Every structure is written in structure tokens, then in C-alpha cells.
mmCIF file of all heavy atoms, coordinates in Angstrom:
data_MODEL
# 
_entry.id   MODEL 
# 
loop_
_atom_site.group_PDB 
_atom_site.id 
_atom_site.type_symbol 
_atom_site.label_atom_id 
_atom_site.label_alt_id 
_atom_site.label_comp_id 
_atom_site.label_asym_id 
_atom_site.label_entity_id 
_atom_site.label_seq_id 
_atom_site.pdbx_PDB_ins_code 
_atom_site.Cartn_x 
_atom_site.Cartn_y 
_atom_site.Cartn_z 
_atom_site.occupancy 
_atom_site.B_iso_or_equiv 
_atom_site.pdbx_formal_charge 
_atom_site.auth_seq_id 
_atom_site.auth_comp_id 
_atom_site.auth_asym_id 
_atom_site.auth_atom_id 
_atom_site.pdbx_PDB_model_num 
ATOM 1   N N   . TRP A 1 1  ? -0.525 45.508 140.653 1.00 0.00 ? 1  TRP A N   1 
ATOM 2   C CA  . TRP A 1 1  ? -0.583 46.920 141.339 1.00 0.00 ? 1  TRP A CA  1 
ATOM 3   C C   . TRP A 1 1  ? -1.125 47.908 140.243 1.00 0.00 ? 1  TRP A C   1 
ATOM 4   O O   . TRP A 1 1  ? -1.809 48.803 140.601 1.00 0.00 ? 1  TRP A O   1 
ATOM 5   C CB  . TRP A 1 1  ? 0.757  47.315 141.957 1.00 0.00 ? 1  TRP A CB  1 
ATOM 6   C CG  . TRP A 1 1  ? 1.113  46.481 143.113 1.00 0.00 ? 1  TRP A CG  1 
ATOM 7   C CD1 . TRP A 1 1  ? 0.255  45.905 144.050 1.00 0.00 ? 1  TRP A CD1 1 
ATOM 8   C CD2 . TRP A 1 1  ? 2.394  46.118 143.500 1.00 0.00 ? 1  TRP A CD2 1 
ATOM 9   N NE1 . TRP A 1 1  ? 0.936  45.282 144.994 1.00 0.00 ? 1  TRP A NE1 1 
ATOM 10  C CE2 . TRP A 1 1  ? 2.281  45.338 144.755 1.00 0.00 ? 1  TRP A CE2 1 
ATOM 11  C CE3 . TRP A 1 1  ? 3.657  46.340 143.042 1.00 0.00 ? 1  TRP A CE3 1 
ATOM 12  C CZ2 . TRP A 1 1  ? 3.389  44.855 145.435 1.00 0.00 ? 1  TRP A CZ2 1 
ATOM 13  C CZ3 . TRP A 1 1  ? 4.775  45.850 143.725 1.00 0.00 ? 1  TRP A CZ3 1 
ATOM 14  C CH2 . TRP A 1 1  ? 4.583  45.065 144.857 1.00 0.00 ? 1  TRP A CH2 1 
ATOM 15  N N   . CYS A 1 2  ? -0.607 47.845 139.029 1.00 0.00 ? 2  CYS A N   1 
ATOM 16  C CA  . CYS A 1 2  ? -1.097 48.685 137.983 1.00 0.00 ? 2  CYS A CA  1 
ATOM 17  C C   . CYS A 1 2  ? -2.524 48.520 137.732 1.00 0.00 ? 2  CYS A C   1 
ATOM 18  O O   . CYS A 1 2  ? -3.288 49.521 137.568 1.00 0.00 ? 2  CYS A O   1 
ATOM 19  C CB  . CYS A 1 2  ? -0.202 48.530 136.725 1.00 0.00 ? 2  CYS A CB  1 
ATOM 20  S SG  . CYS A 1 2  ? 1.441  49.228 136.810 1.00 0.00 ? 2  CYS A SG  1 
ATOM 21  N N   . ALA A 1 3  ? -2.973 47.300 137.583 1.00 0.00 ? 3  ALA A N   1 
ATOM 22  C CA  . ALA A 1 3  ? -4.408 47.049 137.419 1.00 0.00 ? 3  ALA A CA  1 
ATOM 23  C C   . ALA A 1 3  ? -5.293 47.599 138.483 1.00 0.00 ? 3  ALA A C   1 
ATOM 24  O O   . ALA A 1 3  ? -6.339 48.258 138.272 1.00 0.00 ? 3  ALA A O   1 
ATOM 25  C CB  . ALA A 1 3  ? -4.593 45.557 137.273 1.00 0.00 ? 3  ALA A CB  1 
ATOM 26  N N   . GLU A 1 4  ? -4.781 47.544 139.806 1.00 0.00 ? 4  GLU A N   1 
ATOM 27  C CA  . GLU A 1 4  ? -5.557 48.033 140.885 1.00 0.00 ? 4  GLU A CA  1 
ATOM 28  C C   . GLU A 1 4  ? -5.601 49.590 140.785 1.00 0.00 ? 4  GLU A C   1 
ATOM 29  O O   . GLU A 1 4  ? -6.649 50.161 141.248 1.00 0.00 ? 4  GLU A O   1 
ATOM 30  C CB  . GLU A 1 4  ? -4.798 47.653 142.213 1.00 0.00 ? 4  GLU A CB  1 
ATOM 31  C CG  . GLU A 1 4  ? -5.010 46.259 142.542 1.00 0.00 ? 4  GLU A CG  1 
ATOM 32  C CD  . GLU A 1 4  ? -4.141 45.858 143.805 1.00 0.00 ? 4  GLU A CD  1 
ATOM 33  O OE1 . GLU A 1 4  ? -3.429 46.729 144.375 1.00 0.00 ? 4  GLU A OE1 1 
ATOM 34  O OE2 . GLU A 1 4  ? -4.087 44.684 144.105 1.00 0.00 ? 4  GLU A OE2 1 
ATOM 35  N N   . GLU A 1 5  ? -4.688 50.185 140.171 1.00 0.00 ? 5  GLU A N   1 
ATOM 36  C CA  . GLU A 1 5  ? -4.637 51.597 139.998 1.00 0.00 ? 5  GLU A CA  1 
ATOM 37  C C   . GLU A 1 5  ? -5.256 52.100 138.712 1.00 0.00 ? 5  GLU A C   1 
ATOM 38  O O   . GLU A 1 5  ? -5.242 53.297 138.395 1.00 0.00 ? 5  GLU A O   1 
ATOM 39  C CB  . GLU A 1 5  ? -3.175 52.203 140.099 1.00 0.00 ? 5  GLU A CB  1 
ATOM 40  C CG  . GLU A 1 5  ? -2.530 51.984 141.425 1.00 0.00 ? 5  GLU A CG  1 
ATOM 41  C CD  . GLU A 1 5  ? -3.183 52.757 142.585 1.00 0.00 ? 5  GLU A CD  1 
ATOM 42  O OE1 . GLU A 1 5  ? -3.782 53.822 142.351 1.00 0.00 ? 5  GLU A OE1 1 
ATOM 43  O OE2 . GLU A 1 5  ? -3.248 52.173 143.713 1.00 0.00 ? 5  GLU A OE2 1 
ATOM 44  N N   . GLY A 1 6  ? -5.825 51.164 137.973 1.00 0.00 ? 6  GLY A N   1 
ATOM 45  C CA  . GLY A 1 6  ? -6.417 51.502 136.691 1.00 0.00 ? 6  GLY A CA  1 
ATOM 46  C C   . GLY A 1 6  ? -5.414 51.897 135.639 1.00 0.00 ? 6  GLY A C   1 
ATOM 47  O O   . GLY A 1 6  ? -5.764 52.652 134.696 1.00 0.00 ? 6  GLY A O   1 
ATOM 48  N N   . MET A 1 7  ? -4.227 51.359 135.692 1.00 0.00 ? 7  MET A N   1 
ATOM 49  C CA  . MET A 1 7  ? -3.185 51.681 134.700 1.00 0.00 ? 7  MET A CA  1 
ATOM 50  C C   . MET A 1 7  ? -2.761 50.342 133.986 1.00 0.00 ? 7  MET A C   1 
ATOM 51  O O   . MET A 1 7  ? -2.817 49.280 134.470 1.00 0.00 ? 7  MET A O   1 
ATOM 52  C CB  . MET A 1 7  ? -1.948 52.147 135.439 1.00 0.00 ? 7  MET A CB  1 
ATOM 53  C CG  . MET A 1 7  ? -2.225 53.392 136.386 1.00 0.00 ? 7  MET A CG  1 
ATOM 54  S SD  . MET A 1 7  ? -0.870 53.731 137.598 1.00 0.00 ? 7  MET A SD  1 
ATOM 55  C CE  . MET A 1 7  ? 0.318  54.452 136.517 1.00 0.00 ? 7  MET A CE  1 
ATOM 56  N N   . GLU A 1 8  ? -2.314 50.618 132.709 1.00 0.00 ? 8  GLU A N   1 
ATOM 57  C CA  . GLU A 1 8  ? -1.672 49.573 131.995 1.00 0.00 ? 8  GLU A CA  1 
ATOM 58  C C   . GLU A 1 8  ? -0.212 49.632 132.151 1.00 0.00 ? 8  GLU A C   1 
ATOM 59  O O   . GLU A 1 8  ? 0.289  50.742 132.391 1.00 0.00 ? 8  GLU A O   1 
ATOM 60  C CB  . GLU A 1 8  ? -2.017 49.716 130.484 1.00 0.00 ? 8  GLU A CB  1 
ATOM 61  C CG  . GLU A 1 8  ? -3.494 49.558 130.095 1.00 0.00 ? 8  GLU A CG  1 
ATOM 62  C CD  . GLU A 1 8  ? -3.624 49.827 128.628 1.00 0.00 ? 8  GLU A CD  1 
ATOM 63  O OE1 . GLU A 1 8  ? -2.861 49.097 127.794 1.00 0.00 ? 8  GLU A OE1 1 
ATOM 64  O OE2 . GLU A 1 8  ? -4.343 50.707 128.248 1.00 0.00 ? 8  GLU A OE2 1 
ATOM 65  N N   . CYS A 1 9  ? 0.488  48.495 132.058 1.00 0.00 ? 9  CYS A N   1 
ATOM 66  C CA  . CYS A 1 9  ? 1.955  48.615 132.126 1.00 0.00 ? 9  CYS A CA  1 
ATOM 67  C C   . CYS A 1 9  ? 2.567  47.562 131.124 1.00 0.00 ? 9  CYS A C   1 
ATOM 68  O O   . CYS A 1 9  ? 1.955  46.603 130.767 1.00 0.00 ? 9  CYS A O   1 
ATOM 69  C CB  . CYS A 1 9  ? 2.425  48.307 133.532 1.00 0.00 ? 9  CYS A CB  1 
ATOM 70  S SG  . CYS A 1 9  ? 2.301  46.655 134.101 1.00 0.00 ? 9  CYS A SG  1 
ATOM 71  N N   . GLU A 1 10 ? 3.760  47.925 130.789 1.00 0.00 ? 10 GLU A N   1 
ATOM 72  C CA  . GLU A 1 10 ? 4.596  47.012 130.042 1.00 0.00 ? 10 GLU A CA  1 
ATOM 73  C C   . GLU A 1 10 ? 5.920  46.887 130.810 1.00 0.00 ? 10 GLU A C   1 
ATOM 74  O O   . GLU A 1 10 ? 6.455  47.832 131.338 1.00 0.00 ? 10 GLU A O   1 
ATOM 75  C CB  . GLU A 1 10 ? 4.974  47.549 128.650 1.00 0.00 ? 10 GLU A CB  1 
ATOM 76  C CG  . GLU A 1 10 ? 5.906  46.654 127.829 1.00 0.00 ? 10 GLU A CG  1 
ATOM 77  C CD  . GLU A 1 10 ? 6.162  47.242 126.419 1.00 0.00 ? 10 GLU A CD  1 
ATOM 78  O OE1 . GLU A 1 10 ? 5.225  47.668 125.812 1.00 0.00 ? 10 GLU A OE1 1 
ATOM 79  O OE2 . GLU A 1 10 ? 7.364  47.163 126.002 1.00 0.00 ? 10 GLU A OE2 1 
ATOM 80  N N   . LEU A 1 11 ? 6.400  45.598 130.968 1.00 0.00 ? 11 LEU A N   1 
ATOM 81  C CA  . LEU A 1 11 ? 7.667  45.301 131.754 1.00 0.00 ? 11 LEU A CA  1 
ATOM 82  C C   . LEU A 1 11 ? 8.685  44.980 130.794 1.00 0.00 ? 11 LEU A C   1 
ATOM 83  O O   . LEU A 1 11 ? 8.495  44.331 129.785 1.00 0.00 ? 11 LEU A O   1 
ATOM 84  C CB  . LEU A 1 11 ? 7.353  44.250 132.777 1.00 0.00 ? 11 LEU A CB  1 
ATOM 85  C CG  . LEU A 1 11 ? 6.472  44.680 133.917 1.00 0.00 ? 11 LEU A CG  1 
ATOM 86  C CD1 . LEU A 1 11 ? 5.203  43.871 133.965 1.00 0.00 ? 11 LEU A CD1 1 
ATOM 87  C CD2 . LEU A 1 11 ? 7.261  44.614 135.194 1.00 0.00 ? 11 LEU A CD2 1 
ATOM 88  N N   . PHE A 1 12 ? 9.945  45.512 131.178 1.00 0.00 ? 12 PHE A N   1 
ATOM 89  C CA  . PHE A 1 12 ? 11.061 45.230 130.292 1.00 0.00 ? 12 PHE A CA  1 
ATOM 90  C C   . PHE A 1 12 ? 12.280 45.038 131.242 1.00 0.00 ? 12 PHE A C   1 
ATOM 91  O O   . PHE A 1 12 ? 12.484 45.822 132.134 1.00 0.00 ? 12 PHE A O   1 
ATOM 92  C CB  . PHE A 1 12 ? 11.296 46.460 129.383 1.00 0.00 ? 12 PHE A CB  1 
ATOM 93  C CG  . PHE A 1 12 ? 12.492 46.346 128.490 1.00 0.00 ? 12 PHE A CG  1 
ATOM 94  C CD1 . PHE A 1 12 ? 12.544 45.510 127.382 1.00 0.00 ? 12 PHE A CD1 1 
ATOM 95  C CD2 . PHE A 1 12 ? 13.648 47.118 128.806 1.00 0.00 ? 12 PHE A CD2 1 
ATOM 96  C CE1 . PHE A 1 12 ? 13.673 45.449 126.597 1.00 0.00 ? 12 PHE A CE1 1 
ATOM 97  C CE2 . PHE A 1 12 ? 14.760 47.022 127.966 1.00 0.00 ? 12 PHE A CE2 1 
ATOM 98  C CZ  . PHE A 1 12 ? 14.798 46.208 126.930 1.00 0.00 ? 12 PHE A CZ  1 
ATOM 99  N N   . GLN A 1 13 ? 13.057 43.987 130.883 1.00 0.00 ? 13 GLN A N   1 
ATOM 100 C CA  . GLN A 1 13 ? 14.269 43.731 131.681 1.00 0.00 ? 13 GLN A CA  1 
ATOM 101 C C   . GLN A 1 13 ? 15.381 43.463 130.645 1.00 0.00 ? 13 GLN A C   1 
ATOM 102 O O   . GLN A 1 13 ? 15.107 42.652 129.700 1.00 0.00 ? 13 GLN A O   1 
ATOM 103 C CB  . GLN A 1 13 ? 14.163 42.589 132.659 1.00 0.00 ? 13 GLN A CB  1 
ATOM 104 C CG  . GLN A 1 13 ? 15.330 42.406 133.588 1.00 0.00 ? 13 GLN A CG  1 
ATOM 105 C CD  . GLN A 1 13 ? 16.540 41.647 133.081 1.00 0.00 ? 13 GLN A CD  1 
ATOM 106 O OE1 . GLN A 1 13 ? 16.355 40.749 132.237 1.00 0.00 ? 13 GLN A OE1 1 
ATOM 107 N NE2 . GLN A 1 13 ? 17.728 42.078 133.463 1.00 0.00 ? 13 GLN A NE2 1 
ATOM 108 N N   . THR A 1 14 ? 16.534 43.956 130.911 1.00 0.00 ? 14 THR A N   1 
ATOM 109 C CA  . THR A 1 14 ? 17.749 43.683 130.090 1.00 0.00 ? 14 THR A CA  1 
ATOM 110 C C   . THR A 1 14 ? 18.938 43.841 130.939 1.00 0.00 ? 14 THR A C   1 
ATOM 111 O O   . THR A 1 14 ? 19.004 44.608 131.848 1.00 0.00 ? 14 THR A O   1 
ATOM 112 C CB  . THR A 1 14 ? 17.737 44.564 128.823 1.00 0.00 ? 14 THR A CB  1 
ATOM 113 O OG1 . THR A 1 14 ? 18.906 44.154 127.975 1.00 0.00 ? 14 THR A OG1 1 
ATOM 114 C CG2 . THR A 1 14 ? 17.965 46.066 129.154 1.00 0.00 ? 14 THR A CG2 1 
ATOM 115 N N   . ASN A 1 15 ? 19.993 43.196 130.441 1.00 0.00 ? 15 ASN A N   1 
ATOM 116 C CA  . ASN A 1 15 ? 21.314 43.333 131.078 1.00 0.00 ? 15 ASN A CA  1 
ATOM 117 C C   . ASN A 1 15 ? 22.207 44.336 130.281 1.00 0.00 ? 15 ASN A C   1 
ATOM 118 O O   . ASN A 1 15 ? 23.365 44.487 130.576 1.00 0.00 ? 15 ASN A O   1 
ATOM 119 C CB  . ASN A 1 15 ? 21.996 41.978 131.196 1.00 0.00 ? 15 ASN A CB  1 
ATOM 120 C CG  . ASN A 1 15 ? 21.252 41.113 132.164 1.00 0.00 ? 15 ASN A CG  1 
ATOM 121 O OD1 . ASN A 1 15 ? 20.764 41.483 133.182 1.00 0.00 ? 15 ASN A OD1 1 
ATOM 122 N ND2 . ASN A 1 15 ? 21.074 39.810 131.746 1.00 0.00 ? 15 ASN A ND2 1 
ATOM 123 N N   . HIS A 1 16 ? 21.649 44.940 129.282 1.00 0.00 ? 16 HIS A N   1 
ATOM 124 C CA  . HIS A 1 16 ? 22.393 45.722 128.291 1.00 0.00 ? 16 HIS A CA  1 
ATOM 125 C C   . HIS A 1 16 ? 21.974 47.224 128.423 1.00 0.00 ? 16 HIS A C   1 
ATOM 126 O O   . HIS A 1 16 ? 20.781 47.574 128.116 1.00 0.00 ? 16 HIS A O   1 
ATOM 127 C CB  . HIS A 1 16 ? 22.216 45.231 126.915 1.00 0.00 ? 16 HIS A CB  1 
ATOM 128 C CG  . HIS A 1 16 ? 22.569 43.734 126.793 1.00 0.00 ? 16 HIS A CG  1 
ATOM 129 N ND1 . HIS A 1 16 ? 23.849 43.231 126.786 1.00 0.00 ? 16 HIS A ND1 1 
ATOM 130 C CD2 . HIS A 1 16 ? 21.758 42.601 126.842 1.00 0.00 ? 16 HIS A CD2 1 
ATOM 131 C CE1 . HIS A 1 16 ? 23.890 41.963 126.802 1.00 0.00 ? 16 HIS A CE1 1 
ATOM 132 N NE2 . HIS A 1 16 ? 22.621 41.498 126.801 1.00 0.00 ? 16 HIS A NE2 1 
ATOM 133 N N   . GLU A 1 17 ? 22.936 48.070 128.627 1.00 0.00 ? 17 GLU A N   1 
ATOM 134 C CA  . GLU A 1 17 ? 22.700 49.502 128.725 1.00 0.00 ? 17 GLU A CA  1 
ATOM 135 C C   . GLU A 1 17 ? 22.068 50.087 127.464 1.00 0.00 ? 17 GLU A C   1 
ATOM 136 O O   . GLU A 1 17 ? 21.093 50.830 127.563 1.00 0.00 ? 17 GLU A O   1 
ATOM 137 C CB  . GLU A 1 17 ? 24.070 50.234 129.015 1.00 0.00 ? 17 GLU A CB  1 
ATOM 138 C CG  . GLU A 1 17 ? 23.873 51.713 129.144 1.00 0.00 ? 17 GLU A CG  1 
ATOM 139 C CD  . GLU A 1 17 ? 25.183 52.393 129.475 1.00 0.00 ? 17 GLU A CD  1 
ATOM 140 O OE1 . GLU A 1 17 ? 26.313 51.801 129.055 1.00 0.00 ? 17 GLU A OE1 1 
ATOM 141 O OE2 . GLU A 1 17 ? 25.270 53.544 129.980 1.00 0.00 ? 17 GLU A OE2 1 
ATOM 142 N N   . GLY A 1 18 ? 22.542 49.740 126.320 1.00 0.00 ? 18 GLY A N   1 
ATOM 143 C CA  . GLY A 1 18 ? 21.988 50.327 125.056 1.00 0.00 ? 18 GLY A CA  1 
ATOM 144 C C   . GLY A 1 18 ? 20.627 49.862 124.828 1.00 0.00 ? 18 GLY A C   1 
ATOM 145 O O   . GLY A 1 18 ? 19.827 50.647 124.286 1.00 0.00 ? 18 GLY A O   1 
ATOM 146 N N   . ALA A 1 19 ? 20.198 48.763 125.307 1.00 0.00 ? 19 ALA A N   1 
ATOM 147 C CA  . ALA A 1 19 ? 18.829 48.225 125.132 1.00 0.00 ? 19 ALA A CA  1 
ATOM 148 C C   . ALA A 1 19 ? 17.856 49.058 126.038 1.00 0.00 ? 19 ALA A C   1 
ATOM 149 O O   . ALA A 1 19 ? 16.818 49.352 125.654 1.00 0.00 ? 19 ALA A O   1 
ATOM 150 C CB  . ALA A 1 19 ? 18.709 46.755 125.497 1.00 0.00 ? 19 ALA A CB  1 
ATOM 151 N N   . ILE A 1 20 ? 18.363 49.529 127.210 1.00 0.00 ? 20 ILE A N   1 
ATOM 152 C CA  . ILE A 1 20 ? 17.608 50.370 128.040 1.00 0.00 ? 20 ILE A CA  1 
ATOM 153 C C   . ILE A 1 20 ? 17.425 51.724 127.424 1.00 0.00 ? 20 ILE A C   1 
ATOM 154 O O   . ILE A 1 20 ? 16.312 52.269 127.327 1.00 0.00 ? 20 ILE A O   1 
ATOM 155 C CB  . ILE A 1 20 ? 18.254 50.544 129.448 1.00 0.00 ? 20 ILE A CB  1 
ATOM 156 C CG1 . ILE A 1 20 ? 18.194 49.201 130.168 1.00 0.00 ? 20 ILE A CG1 1 
ATOM 157 C CG2 . ILE A 1 20 ? 17.518 51.664 130.247 1.00 0.00 ? 20 ILE A CG2 1 
ATOM 158 C CD1 . ILE A 1 20 ? 19.020 49.191 131.510 1.00 0.00 ? 20 ILE A CD1 1 
ATOM 159 N N   . VAL A 1 21 ? 18.517 52.279 126.806 1.00 0.00 ? 21 VAL A N   1 
ATOM 160 C CA  . VAL A 1 21 ? 18.418 53.560 126.053 1.00 0.00 ? 21 VAL A CA  1 
ATOM 161 C C   . VAL A 1 21 ? 17.408 53.412 124.909 1.00 0.00 ? 21 VAL A C   1 
ATOM 162 O O   . VAL A 1 21 ? 16.550 54.289 124.757 1.00 0.00 ? 21 VAL A O   1 
ATOM 163 C CB  . VAL A 1 21 ? 19.790 54.007 125.617 1.00 0.00 ? 21 VAL A CB  1 
ATOM 164 C CG1 . VAL A 1 21 ? 19.688 55.175 124.630 1.00 0.00 ? 21 VAL A CG1 1 
ATOM 165 C CG2 . VAL A 1 21 ? 20.682 54.354 126.724 1.00 0.00 ? 21 VAL A CG2 1 
ATOM 166 N N   . ASP A 1 22 ? 17.472 52.369 124.187 1.00 0.00 ? 22 ASP A N   1 
ATOM 167 C CA  . ASP A 1 22 ? 16.588 52.103 122.992 1.00 0.00 ? 22 ASP A CA  1 
ATOM 168 C C   . ASP A 1 22 ? 15.158 52.127 123.519 1.00 0.00 ? 22 ASP A C   1 
ATOM 169 O O   . ASP A 1 22 ? 14.260 52.661 122.904 1.00 0.00 ? 22 ASP A O   1 
ATOM 170 C CB  . ASP A 1 22 ? 16.938 50.875 122.266 1.00 0.00 ? 22 ASP A CB  1 
ATOM 171 C CG  . ASP A 1 22 ? 18.176 50.964 121.473 1.00 0.00 ? 22 ASP A CG  1 
ATOM 172 O OD1 . ASP A 1 22 ? 18.682 52.109 121.226 1.00 0.00 ? 22 ASP A OD1 1 
ATOM 173 O OD2 . ASP A 1 22 ? 18.766 49.853 121.116 1.00 0.00 ? 22 ASP A OD2 1 
ATOM 174 N N   . LYS A 1 23 ? 14.887 51.350 124.636 1.00 0.00 ? 23 LYS A N   1 
ATOM 175 C CA  . LYS A 1 23 ? 13.507 51.252 125.095 1.00 0.00 ? 23 LYS A CA  1 
ATOM 176 C C   . LYS A 1 23 ? 12.961 52.571 125.593 1.00 0.00 ? 23 LYS A C   1 
ATOM 177 O O   . LYS A 1 23 ? 11.805 52.867 125.385 1.00 0.00 ? 23 LYS A O   1 
ATOM 178 C CB  . LYS A 1 23 ? 13.500 50.182 126.251 1.00 0.00 ? 23 LYS A CB  1 
ATOM 179 C CG  . LYS A 1 23 ? 12.140 49.717 126.649 1.00 0.00 ? 23 LYS A CG  1 
ATOM 180 C CD  . LYS A 1 23 ? 11.540 48.914 125.502 1.00 0.00 ? 23 LYS A CD  1 
ATOM 181 C CE  . LYS A 1 23 ? 10.255 48.346 125.835 1.00 0.00 ? 23 LYS A CE  1 
ATOM 182 N NZ  . LYS A 1 23 ? 9.593  47.561 124.725 1.00 0.00 ? 23 LYS A NZ  1 
ATOM 183 N N   . ILE A 1 24 ? 13.827 53.355 126.219 1.00 0.00 ? 24 ILE A N   1 
ATOM 184 C CA  . ILE A 1 24 ? 13.354 54.674 126.726 1.00 0.00 ? 24 ILE A CA  1 
ATOM 185 C C   . ILE A 1 24 ? 12.998 55.506 125.499 1.00 0.00 ? 24 ILE A C   1 
ATOM 186 O O   . ILE A 1 24 ? 11.957 56.178 125.417 1.00 0.00 ? 24 ILE A O   1 
ATOM 187 C CB  . ILE A 1 24 ? 14.431 55.355 127.555 1.00 0.00 ? 24 ILE A CB  1 
ATOM 188 C CG1 . ILE A 1 24 ? 14.601 54.676 128.907 1.00 0.00 ? 24 ILE A CG1 1 
ATOM 189 C CG2 . ILE A 1 24 ? 14.131 56.891 127.696 1.00 0.00 ? 24 ILE A CG2 1 
ATOM 190 C CD1 . ILE A 1 24 ? 15.798 55.074 129.681 1.00 0.00 ? 24 ILE A CD1 1 
# 
């Protein structure tokens, strides 16, 4: 979907709240 919209994306998944904060 990102490619169709001409966008690049990075995907990230974690089960840890702090890892989400760090990634943001």
C-alpha cells in the first residue's frame, strides 16, 4: 500500500512499551 502511494515505510513490532517509546 505504501509503494502504491509512492511512500517508503519501515515496520516495527514489539511487545515492550519502552521499545515503542524508543522507536518513536
